[in-house]
Amino acid sequence: MGNRVKEFTEFRYKMNERILAEDNRVIKRVFSVDSLAYQEGALPAKTKELLGLTASMVLRCDDCVAYHIGQCMESGSTRDEIIEAMSVALVVGGTIVIPHLRRAVAFLDEISGAAPAR
């Protein structure tokens, strides 16, 4: 796992723990709803993570994109499925998504250990 992936994962875990230590029901409930939304249901968790990735790219949230790439990998998505979800985001979001697509593919390469294409 690359340095960016390690740093992102460690910071996310540390700060989520810190945030959830606050005595705030709204924060805790939103975190809970977020977790519940991605559980198995009528749609498989894998599909939900691909949807989360696409939405995150359209909304241009690099942290969310990185998180969902990791979750897509954990839920069994292939590289081709992840790239296809990114292509849908590009069509829906337009060319403004391209910088996020670059960072997303770089993160995917790092998390999957794939050598960048030349």
PDB file of N, CA and C in Angstrom:
ATOM      1  N   MET A   1       0.856  -1.173   0.000  1.00  0.00           N
ATOM      2  CA  MET A   1       0.000   0.000   0.000  1.00  0.00           C
ATOM      3  C   MET A   1       0.896   1.228   0.000  1.00  0.00           C
ATOM      4  N   GLY A   2       0.578   2.169  -0.866  1.00  0.00           N
ATOM      5  CA  GLY A   2       1.391   3.363  -1.018  1.00  0.00           C
ATOM      6  C   GLY A   2       1.256   4.337   0.130  1.00  0.00           C
ATOM      7  N   ASN A   3       2.127   5.319   0.135  1.00  0.00           N
ATOM      8  CA  ASN A   3       2.165   6.314   1.201  1.00  0.00           C
ATOM      9  C   ASN A   3       0.875   7.128   1.269  1.00  0.00           C
ATOM     10  N   ARG A   4       0.369   7.574   0.109  1.00  0.00           N
ATOM     11  CA  ARG A   4      -0.864   8.370   0.100  1.00  0.00           C
ATOM     12  C   ARG A   4      -2.020   7.561   0.674  1.00  0.00           C
ATOM     13  N   VAL A   5      -2.109   6.298   0.295  1.00  0.00           N
ATOM     14  CA  VAL A   5      -3.179   5.432   0.791  1.00  0.00           C
ATOM     15  C   VAL A   5      -3.050   5.262   2.295  1.00  0.00           C
ATOM     16  N   LYS A   6      -1.842   5.005   2.773  1.00  0.00           N
ATOM     17  CA  LYS A   6      -1.598   4.816   4.212  1.00  0.00           C
ATOM     18  C   LYS A   6      -1.936   6.090   4.990  1.00  0.00           C
ATOM     19  N   GLU A   7      -1.461   7.229   4.516  1.00  0.00           N
ATOM     20  CA  GLU A   7      -1.733   8.493   5.196  1.00  0.00           C
ATOM     21  C   GLU A   7      -3.228   8.795   5.227  1.00  0.00           C
ATOM     22  N   PHE A   8      -3.897   8.591   4.097  1.00  0.00           N
ATOM     23  CA  PHE A   8      -5.336   8.842   4.029  1.00  0.00           C
ATOM     24  C   PHE A   8      -6.082   7.954   5.014  1.00  0.00           C
ATOM     25  N   THR A   9      -5.777   6.672   5.010  1.00  0.00           N
ATOM     26  CA  THR A   9      -6.464   5.708   5.863  1.00  0.00           C
ATOM     27  C   THR A   9      -6.232   6.011   7.340  1.00  0.00           C
ATOM     28  N   GLU A  10      -4.988   6.281   7.708  1.00  0.00           N
ATOM     29  CA  GLU A  10      -4.674   6.578   9.114  1.00  0.00           C
ATOM     30  C   GLU A  10      -5.342   7.865   9.581  1.00  0.00           C
ATOM     31  N   PHE A  11      -5.295   8.913   8.767  1.00  0.00           N
ATOM     32  CA  PHE A  11      -5.907  10.187   9.150  1.00  0.00           C
ATOM     33  C   PHE A  11      -7.423  10.035   9.268  1.00  0.00           C
ATOM     34  N   ARG A  12      -8.032   9.350   8.313  1.00  0.00           N
ATOM     35  CA  ARG A  12      -9.477   9.163   8.333  1.00  0.00           C
ATOM     36  C   ARG A  12      -9.895   8.421   9.603  1.00  0.00           C
ATOM     37  N   TYR A  13      -9.193   7.334   9.921  1.00  0.00           N
ATOM     38  CA  TYR A  13      -9.521   6.550  11.116  1.00  0.00           C
ATOM     39  C   TYR A  13      -9.359   7.397  12.383  1.00  0.00           C
ATOM     40  N   LYS A  14      -8.218   8.084  12.487  1.00  0.00           N
ATOM     41  CA  LYS A  14      -7.940   8.893  13.675  1.00  0.00           C
ATOM     42  C   LYS A  14      -8.990   9.990  13.865  1.00  0.00           C
ATOM     43  N   MET A  15      -9.312  10.679  12.799  1.00  0.00           N
ATOM     44  CA  MET A  15     -10.249  11.796  12.916  1.00  0.00           C
ATOM     45  C   MET A  15     -11.690  11.318  13.114  1.00  0.00           C
ATOM     46  N   ASN A  16     -12.061  10.192  12.512  1.00  0.00           N
ATOM     47  CA  ASN A  16     -13.396   9.652  12.767  1.00  0.00           C
ATOM     48  C   ASN A  16     -13.544   9.281  14.232  1.00  0.00           C
ATOM     49  N   GLU A  17     -12.509   8.659  14.788  1.00  0.00           N
ATOM     50  CA  GLU A  17     -12.539   8.326  16.214  1.00  0.00           C
ATOM     51  C   GLU A  17     -12.666   9.595  17.057  1.00  0.00           C
ATOM     52  N   ARG A  18     -11.913  10.611  16.702  1.00  0.00           N
ATOM     53  CA  ARG A  18     -11.935  11.885  17.437  1.00  0.00           C
ATOM     54  C   ARG A  18     -13.314  12.540  17.349  1.00  0.00           C
ATOM     55  N   ILE A  19     -13.870  12.572  16.149  1.00  0.00           N
ATOM     56  CA  ILE A  19     -15.181  13.197  15.934  1.00  0.00           C
ATOM     57  C   ILE A  19     -16.264  12.438  16.693  1.00  0.00           C
ATOM     58  N   LEU A  20     -16.238  11.111  16.610  1.00  0.00           N
ATOM     59  CA  LEU A  20     -17.263  10.310  17.268  1.00  0.00           C
ATOM     60  C   LEU A  20     -17.136  10.324  18.787  1.00  0.00           C
ATOM     61  N   ALA A  21     -15.995  10.774  19.302  1.00  0.00           N
ATOM     62  CA  ALA A  21     -15.827  10.915  20.749  1.00  0.00           C
ATOM     63  C   ALA A  21     -16.607  12.121  21.284  1.00  0.00           C
ATOM     64  N   GLU A  22     -16.982  13.026  20.408  1.00  0.00           N
ATOM     65  CA  GLU A  22     -17.794  14.179  20.818  1.00  0.00           C
ATOM     66  C   GLU A  22     -19.192  13.691  21.201  1.00  0.00           C
ATOM     67  N   ASP A  23     -19.809  14.374  22.137  1.00  0.00           N
ATOM     68  CA  ASP A  23     -21.146  14.005  22.586  1.00  0.00           C
ATOM     69  C   ASP A  23     -22.175  14.746  21.736  1.00  0.00           C
ATOM     70  N   ASN A  24     -22.294  14.317  20.454  1.00  0.00           N
ATOM     71  CA  ASN A  24     -23.212  14.992  19.543  1.00  0.00           C
ATOM     72  C   ASN A  24     -24.019  13.940  18.794  1.00  0.00           C
ATOM     73  N   ARG A  25     -25.313  13.883  19.087  1.00  0.00           N
ATOM     74  CA  ARG A  25     -26.180  12.873  18.478  1.00  0.00           C
ATOM     75  C   ARG A  25     -26.301  13.043  16.977  1.00  0.00           C
ATOM     76  N   VAL A  26     -26.344  14.269  16.484  1.00  0.00           N
ATOM     77  CA  VAL A  26     -26.498  14.493  15.046  1.00  0.00           C
ATOM     78  C   VAL A  26     -25.318  13.889  14.289  1.00  0.00           C
ATOM     79  N   ILE A  27     -24.104  14.183  14.742  1.00  0.00           N
ATOM     80  CA  ILE A  27     -22.907  13.636  14.093  1.00  0.00           C
ATOM     81  C   ILE A  27     -22.950  12.108  14.124  1.00  0.00           C
ATOM     82  N   LYS A  28     -23.235  11.546  15.295  1.00  0.00           N
ATOM     83  CA  LYS A  28     -23.255  10.089  15.421  1.00  0.00           C
ATOM     84  C   LYS A  28     -24.322   9.461  14.535  1.00  0.00           C
ATOM     85  N   ARG A  29     -25.468  10.105  14.434  1.00  0.00           N
ATOM     86  CA  ARG A  29     -26.545   9.547  13.612  1.00  0.00           C
ATOM     87  C   ARG A  29     -26.231   9.644  12.125  1.00  0.00           C
ATOM     88  N   VAL A  30     -25.627  10.741  11.701  1.00  0.00           N
ATOM     89  CA  VAL A  30     -25.254  10.858  10.284  1.00  0.00           C
ATOM     90  C   VAL A  30     -24.207   9.807   9.936  1.00  0.00           C
ATOM     91  N   PHE A  31     -23.211   9.617  10.785  1.00  0.00           N
ATOM     92  CA  PHE A  31     -22.210   8.571  10.554  1.00  0.00           C
ATOM     93  C   PHE A  31     -22.885   7.200  10.470  1.00  0.00           C
ATOM     94  N   SER A  32     -23.865   6.964  11.345  1.00  0.00           N
ATOM     95  CA  SER A  32     -24.567   5.686  11.355  1.00  0.00           C
ATOM     96  C   SER A  32     -25.378   5.487  10.076  1.00  0.00           C
ATOM     97  N   VAL A  33     -26.104   6.520   9.651  1.00  0.00           N
ATOM     98  CA  VAL A  33     -26.889   6.429   8.416  1.00  0.00           C
ATOM     99  C   VAL A  33     -25.969   6.173   7.227  1.00  0.00           C
ATOM    100  N   ASP A  34     -24.822   6.825   7.211  1.00  0.00           N
ATOM    101  CA  ASP A  34     -23.856   6.614   6.133  1.00  0.00           C
ATOM    102  C   ASP A  34     -23.430   5.154   6.081  1.00  0.00           C
ATOM    103  N   SER A  35     -23.134   4.585   7.222  1.00  0.00           N
ATOM    104  CA  SER A  35     -22.732   3.174   7.273  1.00  0.00           C
ATOM    105  C   SER A  35     -23.868   2.252   6.839  1.00  0.00           C
ATOM    106  N   LEU A  36     -25.075   2.541   7.295  1.00  0.00           N
ATOM    107  CA  LEU A  36     -26.228   1.716   6.946  1.00  0.00           C
ATOM    108  C   LEU A  36     -26.527   1.747   5.454  1.00  0.00           C
ATOM    109  N   ALA A  37     -26.322   2.880   4.829  1.00  0.00           N
ATOM    110  CA  ALA A  37     -26.656   3.035   3.405  1.00  0.00           C
ATOM    111  C   ALA A  37     -25.864   2.099   2.513  1.00  0.00           C
ATOM    112  N   TYR A  38     -24.670   1.711   2.922  1.00  0.00           N
ATOM    113  CA  TYR A  38     -23.798   0.887   2.084  1.00  0.00           C
ATOM    114  C   TYR A  38     -23.833  -0.593   2.431  1.00  0.00           C
ATOM    115  N   GLN A  39     -24.721  -0.991   3.343  1.00  0.00           N
ATOM    116  CA  GLN A  39     -24.852  -2.409   3.679  1.00  0.00           C
ATOM    117  C   GLN A  39     -25.650  -3.129   2.597  1.00  0.00           C
ATOM    118  N   GLU A  40     -25.513  -4.463   2.581  1.00  0.00           N
ATOM    119  CA  GLU A  40     -26.283  -5.282   1.646  1.00  0.00           C
ATOM    120  C   GLU A  40     -27.767  -4.981   1.803  1.00  0.00           C
ATOM    121  N   GLY A  41     -28.459  -4.946   0.702  1.00  0.00           N
ATOM    122  CA  GLY A  41     -29.900  -4.723   0.698  1.00  0.00           C
ATOM    123  C   GLY A  41     -30.438  -5.177  -0.649  1.00  0.00           C
ATOM    124  N   ALA A  42     -31.414  -4.452  -1.180  1.00  0.00           N
ATOM    125  CA  ALA A  42     -31.919  -4.774  -2.511  1.00  0.00           C
ATOM    126  C   ALA A  42     -30.788  -4.673  -3.528  1.00  0.00           C
ATOM    127  N   LEU A  43     -29.859  -3.752  -3.277  1.00  0.00           N
ATOM    128  CA  LEU A  43     -28.640  -3.650  -4.085  1.00  0.00           C
ATOM    129  C   LEU A  43     -27.486  -4.247  -3.292  1.00  0.00           C
ATOM    130  N   PRO A  44     -26.605  -4.982  -3.956  1.00  0.00           N
ATOM    131  CA  PRO A  44     -25.426  -5.497  -3.257  1.00  0.00           C
ATOM    132  C   PRO A  44     -24.528  -4.344  -2.789  1.00  0.00           C
ATOM    133  N   ALA A  45     -23.801  -4.560  -1.705  1.00  0.00           N
ATOM    134  CA  ALA A  45     -22.882  -3.541  -1.179  1.00  0.00           C
ATOM    135  C   ALA A  45     -21.893  -3.099  -2.252  1.00  0.00           C
ATOM    136  N   LYS A  46     -21.440  -4.028  -3.067  1.00  0.00           N
ATOM    137  CA  LYS A  46     -20.502  -3.712  -4.151  1.00  0.00           C
ATOM    138  C   LYS A  46     -21.092  -2.661  -5.100  1.00  0.00           C
ATOM    139  N   THR A  47     -22.340  -2.835  -5.473  1.00  0.00           N
ATOM    140  CA  THR A  47     -23.007  -1.876  -6.364  1.00  0.00           C
ATOM    141  C   THR A  47     -23.145  -0.522  -5.679  1.00  0.00           C
ATOM    142  N   LYS A  48     -23.502  -0.541  -4.404  1.00  0.00           N
ATOM    143  CA  LYS A  48     -23.663   0.710  -3.664  1.00  0.00           C
ATOM    144  C   LYS A  48     -22.346   1.471  -3.581  1.00  0.00           C
ATOM    145  N   GLU A  49     -21.233   0.759  -3.405  1.00  0.00           N
ATOM    146  CA  GLU A  49     -19.927   1.433  -3.354  1.00  0.00           C
ATOM    147  C   GLU A  49     -19.563   2.036  -4.711  1.00  0.00           C
ATOM    148  N   LEU A  50     -19.881   1.332  -5.788  1.00  0.00           N
ATOM    149  CA  LEU A  50     -19.642   1.894  -7.121  1.00  0.00           C
ATOM    150  C   LEU A  50     -20.498   3.142  -7.344  1.00  0.00           C
ATOM    151  N   LEU A  51     -21.737   3.110  -6.856  1.00  0.00           N
ATOM    152  CA  LEU A  51     -22.596   4.299  -6.934  1.00  0.00           C
ATOM    153  C   LEU A  51     -22.024   5.439  -6.092  1.00  0.00           C
ATOM    154  N   GLY A  52     -21.526   5.101  -4.902  1.00  0.00           N
ATOM    155  CA  GLY A  52     -20.907   6.106  -4.042  1.00  0.00           C
ATOM    156  C   GLY A  52     -19.698   6.728  -4.705  1.00  0.00           C
ATOM    157  N   LEU A  53     -18.900   5.907  -5.386  1.00  0.00           N
ATOM    158  CA  LEU A  53     -17.737   6.416  -6.112  1.00  0.00           C
ATOM    159  C   LEU A  53     -18.174   7.369  -7.210  1.00  0.00           C
ATOM    160  N   THR A  54     -19.163   6.980  -7.993  1.00  0.00           N
ATOM    161  CA  THR A  54     -19.638   7.829  -9.084  1.00  0.00           C
ATOM    162  C   THR A  54     -20.170   9.159  -8.547  1.00  0.00           C
ATOM    163  N   ALA A  55     -20.999   9.093  -7.518  1.00  0.00           N
ATOM    164  CA  ALA A  55     -21.552  10.323  -6.939  1.00  0.00           C
ATOM    165  C   ALA A  55     -20.450  11.209  -6.371  1.00  0.00           C
ATOM    166  N   SER A  56     -19.480  10.614  -5.725  1.00  0.00           N
ATOM    167  CA  SER A  56     -18.378  11.382  -5.128  1.00  0.00           C
ATOM    168  C   SER A  56     -17.553  12.083  -6.194  1.00  0.00           C
ATOM    169  N   MET A  57     -17.367  11.429  -7.324  1.00  0.00           N
ATOM    170  CA  MET A  57     -16.615  12.066  -8.409  1.00  0.00           C
ATOM    171  C   MET A  57     -17.399  13.238  -8.990  1.00  0.00           C
ATOM    172  N   VAL A  58     -18.707  13.043  -9.185  1.00  0.00           N
ATOM    173  CA  VAL A  58     -19.533  14.122  -9.723  1.00  0.00           C
ATOM    174  C   VAL A  58     -19.566  15.302  -8.751  1.00  0.00           C
ATOM    175  N   LEU A  59     -19.590  15.011  -7.453  1.00  0.00           N
ATOM    176  CA  LEU A  59     -19.597  16.067  -6.441  1.00  0.00           C
ATOM    177  C   LEU A  59     -18.199  16.633  -6.182  1.00  0.00           C
ATOM    178  N   ARG A  60     -17.184  16.008  -6.788  1.00  0.00           N
ATOM    179  CA  ARG A  60     -15.796  16.464  -6.747  1.00  0.00           C
ATOM    180  C   ARG A  60     -15.220  16.488  -5.328  1.00  0.00           C
ATOM    181  N   CYS A  61     -15.439  15.374  -4.611  1.00  0.00           N
ATOM    182  CA  CYS A  61     -14.897  15.227  -3.261  1.00  0.00           C
ATOM    183  C   CYS A  61     -13.784  14.182  -3.299  1.00  0.00           C
ATOM    184  N   ASP A  62     -12.534  14.631  -3.355  1.00  0.00           N
ATOM    185  CA  ASP A  62     -11.408  13.701  -3.468  1.00  0.00           C
ATOM    186  C   ASP A  62     -11.306  12.742  -2.292  1.00  0.00           C
ATOM    187  N   ASP A  63     -11.592  13.197  -1.073  1.00  0.00           N
ATOM    188  CA  ASP A  63     -11.562  12.287   0.077  1.00  0.00           C
ATOM    189  C   ASP A  63     -12.612  11.190  -0.082  1.00  0.00           C
ATOM    190  N   CYS A  64     -13.809  11.568  -0.516  1.00  0.00           N
ATOM    191  CA  CYS A  64     -14.873  10.581  -0.718  1.00  0.00           C
ATOM    192  C   CYS A  64     -14.509   9.612  -1.837  1.00  0.00           C
ATOM    193  N   VAL A  65     -13.922  10.136  -2.907  1.00  0.00           N
ATOM    194  CA  VAL A  65     -13.494   9.286  -4.016  1.00  0.00           C
ATOM    195  C   VAL A  65     -12.484   8.253  -3.519  1.00  0.00           C
ATOM    196  N   ALA A  66     -11.482   8.709  -2.779  1.00  0.00           N
ATOM    197  CA  ALA A  66     -10.464   7.800  -2.255  1.00  0.00           C
ATOM    198  C   ALA A  66     -11.101   6.740  -1.357  1.00  0.00           C
ATOM    199  N   TYR A  67     -11.982   7.159  -0.479  1.00  0.00           N
ATOM    200  CA  TYR A  67     -12.651   6.219   0.416  1.00  0.00           C
ATOM    201  C   TYR A  67     -13.419   5.166  -0.377  1.00  0.00           C
ATOM    202  N   HIS A  68     -14.205   5.608  -1.352  1.00  0.00           N
ATOM    203  CA  HIS A  68     -15.030   4.670  -2.107  1.00  0.00           C
ATOM    204  C   HIS A  68     -14.197   3.756  -3.007  1.00  0.00           C
ATOM    205  N   ILE A  69     -13.052   4.224  -3.490  1.00  0.00           N
ATOM    206  CA  ILE A  69     -12.169   3.324  -4.235  1.00  0.00           C
ATOM    207  C   ILE A  69     -11.741   2.172  -3.328  1.00  0.00           C
ATOM    208  N   GLY A  70     -11.333   2.495  -2.114  1.00  0.00           N
ATOM    209  CA  GLY A  70     -10.953   1.456  -1.160  1.00  0.00           C
ATOM    210  C   GLY A  70     -12.101   0.516  -0.853  1.00  0.00           C
ATOM    211  N   GLN A  71     -13.288   1.069  -0.653  1.00  0.00           N
ATOM    212  CA  GLN A  71     -14.458   0.241  -0.353  1.00  0.00           C
ATOM    213  C   GLN A  71     -14.860  -0.605  -1.555  1.00  0.00           C
ATOM    214  N   CYS A  72     -14.722  -0.048  -2.752  1.00  0.00           N
ATOM    215  CA  CYS A  72     -15.005  -0.830  -3.960  1.00  0.00           C
ATOM    216  C   CYS A  72     -14.078  -2.037  -4.036  1.00  0.00           C
ATOM    217  N   MET A  73     -12.797  -1.804  -3.768  1.00  0.00           N
ATOM    218  CA  MET A  73     -11.829  -2.902  -3.801  1.00  0.00           C
ATOM    219  C   MET A  73     -12.185  -3.943  -2.741  1.00  0.00           C
ATOM    220  N   GLU A  74     -12.495  -3.490  -1.532  1.00  0.00           N
ATOM    221  CA  GLU A  74     -12.841  -4.417  -0.448  1.00  0.00           C
ATOM    222  C   GLU A  74     -14.100  -5.215  -0.754  1.00  0.00           C
ATOM    223  N   SER A  75     -15.046  -4.604  -1.464  1.00  0.00           N
ATOM    224  CA  SER A  75     -16.304  -5.301  -1.760  1.00  0.00           C
ATOM    225  C   SER A  75     -16.206  -6.192  -2.995  1.00  0.00           C
ATOM    226  N   GLY A  76     -15.019  -6.245  -3.600  1.00  0.00           N
ATOM    227  CA  GLY A  76     -14.808  -7.177  -4.702  1.00  0.00           C
ATOM    228  C   GLY A  76     -14.927  -6.598  -6.097  1.00  0.00           C
ATOM    229  N   SER A  77     -15.003  -5.290  -6.216  1.00  0.00           N
ATOM    230  CA  SER A  77     -15.061  -4.681  -7.555  1.00  0.00           C
ATOM    231  C   SER A  77     -13.735  -4.882  -8.268  1.00  0.00           C
ATOM    232  N   THR A  78     -13.821  -5.130  -9.548  1.00  0.00           N
ATOM    233  CA  THR A  78     -12.613  -5.244 -10.358  1.00  0.00           C
ATOM    234  C   THR A  78     -12.164  -3.856 -10.788  1.00  0.00           C
ATOM    235  N   ARG A  79     -10.945  -3.767 -11.245  1.00  0.00           N
ATOM    236  CA  ARG A  79     -10.434  -2.498 -11.770  1.00  0.00           C
ATOM    237  C   ARG A  79     -11.316  -2.007 -12.918  1.00  0.00           C
ATOM    238  N   ASP A  80     -11.714  -2.924 -13.798  1.00  0.00           N
ATOM    239  CA  ASP A  80     -12.557  -2.534 -14.928  1.00  0.00           C
ATOM    240  C   ASP A  80     -13.897  -1.973 -14.460  1.00  0.00           C
ATOM    241  N   GLU A  81     -14.483  -2.566 -13.422  1.00  0.00           N
ATOM    242  CA  GLU A  81     -15.754  -2.055 -12.889  1.00  0.00           C
ATOM    243  C   GLU A  81     -15.568  -0.659 -12.295  1.00  0.00           C
ATOM    244  N   ILE A  82     -14.478  -0.462 -11.580  1.00  0.00           N
ATOM    245  CA  ILE A  82     -14.200   0.840 -10.970  1.00  0.00           C
ATOM    246  C   ILE A  82     -13.979   1.893 -12.050  1.00  0.00           C
ATOM    247  N   ILE A  83     -13.190   1.571 -13.060  1.00  0.00           N
ATOM    248  CA  ILE A  83     -12.951   2.514 -14.158  1.00  0.00           C
ATOM    249  C   ILE A  83     -14.258   2.826 -14.884  1.00  0.00           C
ATOM    250  N   GLU A  84     -15.108   1.829 -15.074  1.00  0.00           N
ATOM    251  CA  GLU A  84     -16.384   2.074 -15.736  1.00  0.00           C
ATOM    252  C   GLU A  84     -17.270   3.000 -14.908  1.00  0.00           C
ATOM    253  N   ALA A  85     -17.282   2.816 -13.587  1.00  0.00           N
ATOM    254  CA  ALA A  85     -18.044   3.717 -12.716  1.00  0.00           C
ATOM    255  C   ALA A  85     -17.498   5.143 -12.838  1.00  0.00           C
ATOM    256  N   MET A  86     -16.169   5.265 -12.937  1.00  0.00           N
ATOM    257  CA  MET A  86     -15.552   6.580 -13.119  1.00  0.00           C
ATOM    258  C   MET A  86     -15.949   7.187 -14.460  1.00  0.00           C
ATOM    259  N   SER A  87     -16.096   6.351 -15.483  1.00  0.00           N
ATOM    260  CA  SER A  87     -16.481   6.873 -16.799  1.00  0.00           C
ATOM    261  C   SER A  87     -17.905   7.416 -16.770  1.00  0.00           C
ATOM    262  N   VAL A  88     -18.783   6.766 -16.003  1.00  0.00           N
ATOM    263  CA  VAL A  88     -20.144   7.278 -15.846  1.00  0.00           C
ATOM    264  C   VAL A  88     -20.103   8.638 -15.159  1.00  0.00           C
ATOM    265  N   ALA A  89     -19.269   8.755 -14.136  1.00  0.00           N
ATOM    266  CA  ALA A  89     -19.126  10.035 -13.430  1.00  0.00           C
ATOM    267  C   ALA A  89     -18.652  11.133 -14.374  1.00  0.00           C
ATOM    268  N   LEU A  90     -17.746  10.801 -15.247  1.00  0.00           N
ATOM    269  CA  LEU A  90     -17.229  11.782 -16.206  1.00  0.00           C
ATOM    270  C   LEU A  90     -18.330  12.244 -17.150  1.00  0.00           C
ATOM    271  N   VAL A  91     -19.156  11.322 -17.615  1.00  0.00           N
ATOM    272  CA  VAL A  91     -20.254  11.687 -18.506  1.00  0.00           C
ATOM    273  C   VAL A  91     -21.286  12.547 -17.772  1.00  0.00           C
ATOM    274  N   VAL A  92     -21.632  12.153 -16.556  1.00  0.00           N
ATOM    275  CA  VAL A  92     -22.634  12.884 -15.777  1.00  0.00           C
ATOM    276  C   VAL A  92     -22.101  14.245 -15.332  1.00  0.00           C
ATOM    277  N   GLY A  93     -20.860  14.276 -14.861  1.00  0.00           N
ATOM    278  CA  GLY A  93     -20.300  15.494 -14.292  1.00  0.00           C
ATOM    279  C   GLY A  93     -19.646  16.424 -15.297  1.00  0.00           C
ATOM    280  N   GLY A  94     -19.271  15.892 -16.436  1.00  0.00           N
ATOM    281  CA  GLY A  94     -18.628  16.712 -17.452  1.00  0.00           C
ATOM    282  C   GLY A  94     -17.127  16.826 -17.240  1.00  0.00           C
ATOM    283  N   THR A  95     -16.515  17.658 -18.058  1.00  0.00           N
ATOM    284  CA  THR A  95     -15.053  17.750 -18.067  1.00  0.00           C
ATOM    285  C   THR A  95     -14.472  18.305 -16.771  1.00  0.00           C
ATOM    286  N   ILE A  96     -15.278  18.962 -15.945  1.00  0.00           N
ATOM    287  CA  ILE A  96     -14.766  19.458 -14.665  1.00  0.00           C
ATOM    288  C   ILE A  96     -14.349  18.305 -13.753  1.00  0.00           C
ATOM    289  N   VAL A  97     -14.807  17.093 -14.064  1.00  0.00           N
ATOM    290  CA  VAL A  97     -14.470  15.908 -13.276  1.00  0.00           C
ATOM    291  C   VAL A  97     -13.069  15.376 -13.638  1.00  0.00           C
ATOM    292  N   ILE A  98     -12.521  15.790 -14.770  1.00  0.00           N
ATOM    293  CA  ILE A  98     -11.241  15.235 -15.233  1.00  0.00           C
ATOM    294  C   ILE A  98     -10.122  15.336 -14.195  1.00  0.00           C
ATOM    295  N   PRO A  99      -9.915  16.475 -13.516  1.00  0.00           N
ATOM    296  CA  PRO A  99      -8.844  16.502 -12.498  1.00  0.00           C
ATOM    297  C   PRO A  99      -9.068  15.469 -11.383  1.00  0.00           C
ATOM    298  N   HIS A 100     -10.311  15.235 -11.025  1.00  0.00           N
ATOM    299  CA  HIS A 100     -10.636  14.256  -9.988  1.00  0.00           C
ATOM    300  C   HIS A 100     -10.455  12.845 -10.530  1.00  0.00           C
ATOM    301  N   LEU A 101     -10.708  12.661 -11.810  1.00  0.00           N
ATOM    302  CA  LEU A 101     -10.456  11.381 -12.460  1.00  0.00           C
ATOM    303  C   LEU A 101      -8.961  11.062 -12.426  1.00  0.00           C
ATOM    304  N   ARG A 102      -8.128  12.063 -12.681  1.00  0.00           N
ATOM    305  CA  ARG A 102      -6.674  11.851 -12.620  1.00  0.00           C
ATOM    306  C   ARG A 102      -6.252  11.379 -11.228  1.00  0.00           C
ATOM    307  N   ARG A 103      -6.714  12.100 -10.204  1.00  0.00           N
ATOM    308  CA  ARG A 103      -6.339  11.736  -8.839  1.00  0.00           C
ATOM    309  C   ARG A 103      -6.931  10.384  -8.446  1.00  0.00           C
ATOM    310  N   ALA A 104      -8.130  10.096  -8.930  1.00  0.00           N
ATOM    311  CA  ALA A 104      -8.774   8.819  -8.614  1.00  0.00           C
ATOM    312  C   ALA A 104      -8.003   7.651  -9.222  1.00  0.00           C
ATOM    313  N   VAL A 105      -7.583   7.786 -10.472  1.00  0.00           N
ATOM    314  CA  VAL A 105      -6.830   6.702 -11.105  1.00  0.00           C
ATOM    315  C   VAL A 105      -5.470   6.543 -10.432  1.00  0.00           C
ATOM    316  N   ALA A 106      -4.849   7.642 -10.054  1.00  0.00           N
ATOM    317  CA  ALA A 106      -3.568   7.558  -9.332  1.00  0.00           C
ATOM    318  C   ALA A 106      -3.763   6.832  -7.999  1.00  0.00           C
ATOM    319  N   PHE A 107      -4.844   7.144  -7.288  1.00  0.00           N
ATOM    320  CA  PHE A 107      -5.129   6.483  -6.015  1.00  0.00           C
ATOM    321  C   PHE A 107      -5.415   5.004  -6.244  1.00  0.00           C
ATOM    322  N   LEU A 108      -6.195   4.686  -7.281  1.00  0.00           N
ATOM    323  CA  LEU A 108      -6.490   3.296  -7.616  1.00  0.00           C
ATOM    324  C   LEU A 108      -5.204   2.547  -7.928  1.00  0.00           C
ATOM    325  N   ASP A 109      -4.319   3.155  -8.707  1.00  0.00           N
ATOM    326  CA  ASP A 109      -3.025   2.518  -9.015  1.00  0.00           C
ATOM    327  C   ASP A 109      -2.254   2.233  -7.734  1.00  0.00           C
ATOM    328  N   GLU A 110      -2.263   3.207  -6.829  1.00  0.00           N
ATOM    329  CA  GLU A 110      -1.499   3.044  -5.589  1.00  0.00           C
ATOM    330  C   GLU A 110      -2.109   1.972  -4.684  1.00  0.00           C
ATOM    331  N   ILE A 111      -3.413   2.000  -4.534  1.00  0.00           N
ATOM    332  CA  ILE A 111      -4.059   1.047  -3.622  1.00  0.00           C
ATOM    333  C   ILE A 111      -4.014  -0.372  -4.182  1.00  0.00           C
ATOM    334  N   SER A 112      -4.036  -0.494  -5.501  1.00  0.00           N
ATOM    335  CA  SER A 112      -4.049  -1.825  -6.104  1.00  0.00           C
ATOM    336  C   SER A 112      -2.653  -2.329  -6.446  1.00  0.00           C
ATOM    337  N   GLY A 113      -1.656  -1.446  -6.330  1.00  0.00           N
ATOM    338  CA  GLY A 113      -0.292  -1.829  -6.664  1.00  0.00           C
ATOM    339  C   GLY A 113      -0.044  -1.923  -8.160  1.00  0.00           C
ATOM    340  N   ALA A 114      -0.933  -1.343  -8.942  1.00  0.00           N
ATOM    341  CA  ALA A 114      -0.784  -1.384 -10.395  1.00  0.00           C
ATOM    342  C   ALA A 114       0.245  -0.359 -10.843  1.00  0.00           C
ATOM    343  N   ALA A 115       1.005  -0.748 -11.817  1.00  0.00           N
ATOM    344  CA  ALA A 115       1.978   0.188 -12.403  1.00  0.00           C
ATOM    345  C   ALA A 115       1.217   1.137 -13.316  1.00  0.00           C
ATOM    346  N   PRO A 116       1.510   2.429 -13.229  1.00  0.00           N
ATOM    347  CA  PRO A 116       0.845   3.382 -14.117  1.00  0.00           C
ATOM    348  C   PRO A 116       1.137   3.060 -15.571  1.00  0.00           C
ATOM    349  N   ALA A 117       0.119   3.233 -16.418  1.00  0.00           N
ATOM    350  CA  ALA A 117       0.297   3.006 -17.855  1.00  0.00           C
ATOM    351  C   ALA A 117       1.198   4.075 -18.447  1.00  0.00           C
ATOM    352  N   ARG A 118       1.941   3.705 -19.453  1.00  0.00           N
ATOM    353  CA  ARG A 118       2.836   4.663 -20.128  1.00  0.00           C
ATOM    354  C   ARG A 118       2.403   4.870 -21.530  1.00  0.00           C
TER     355      ARG A 118
END
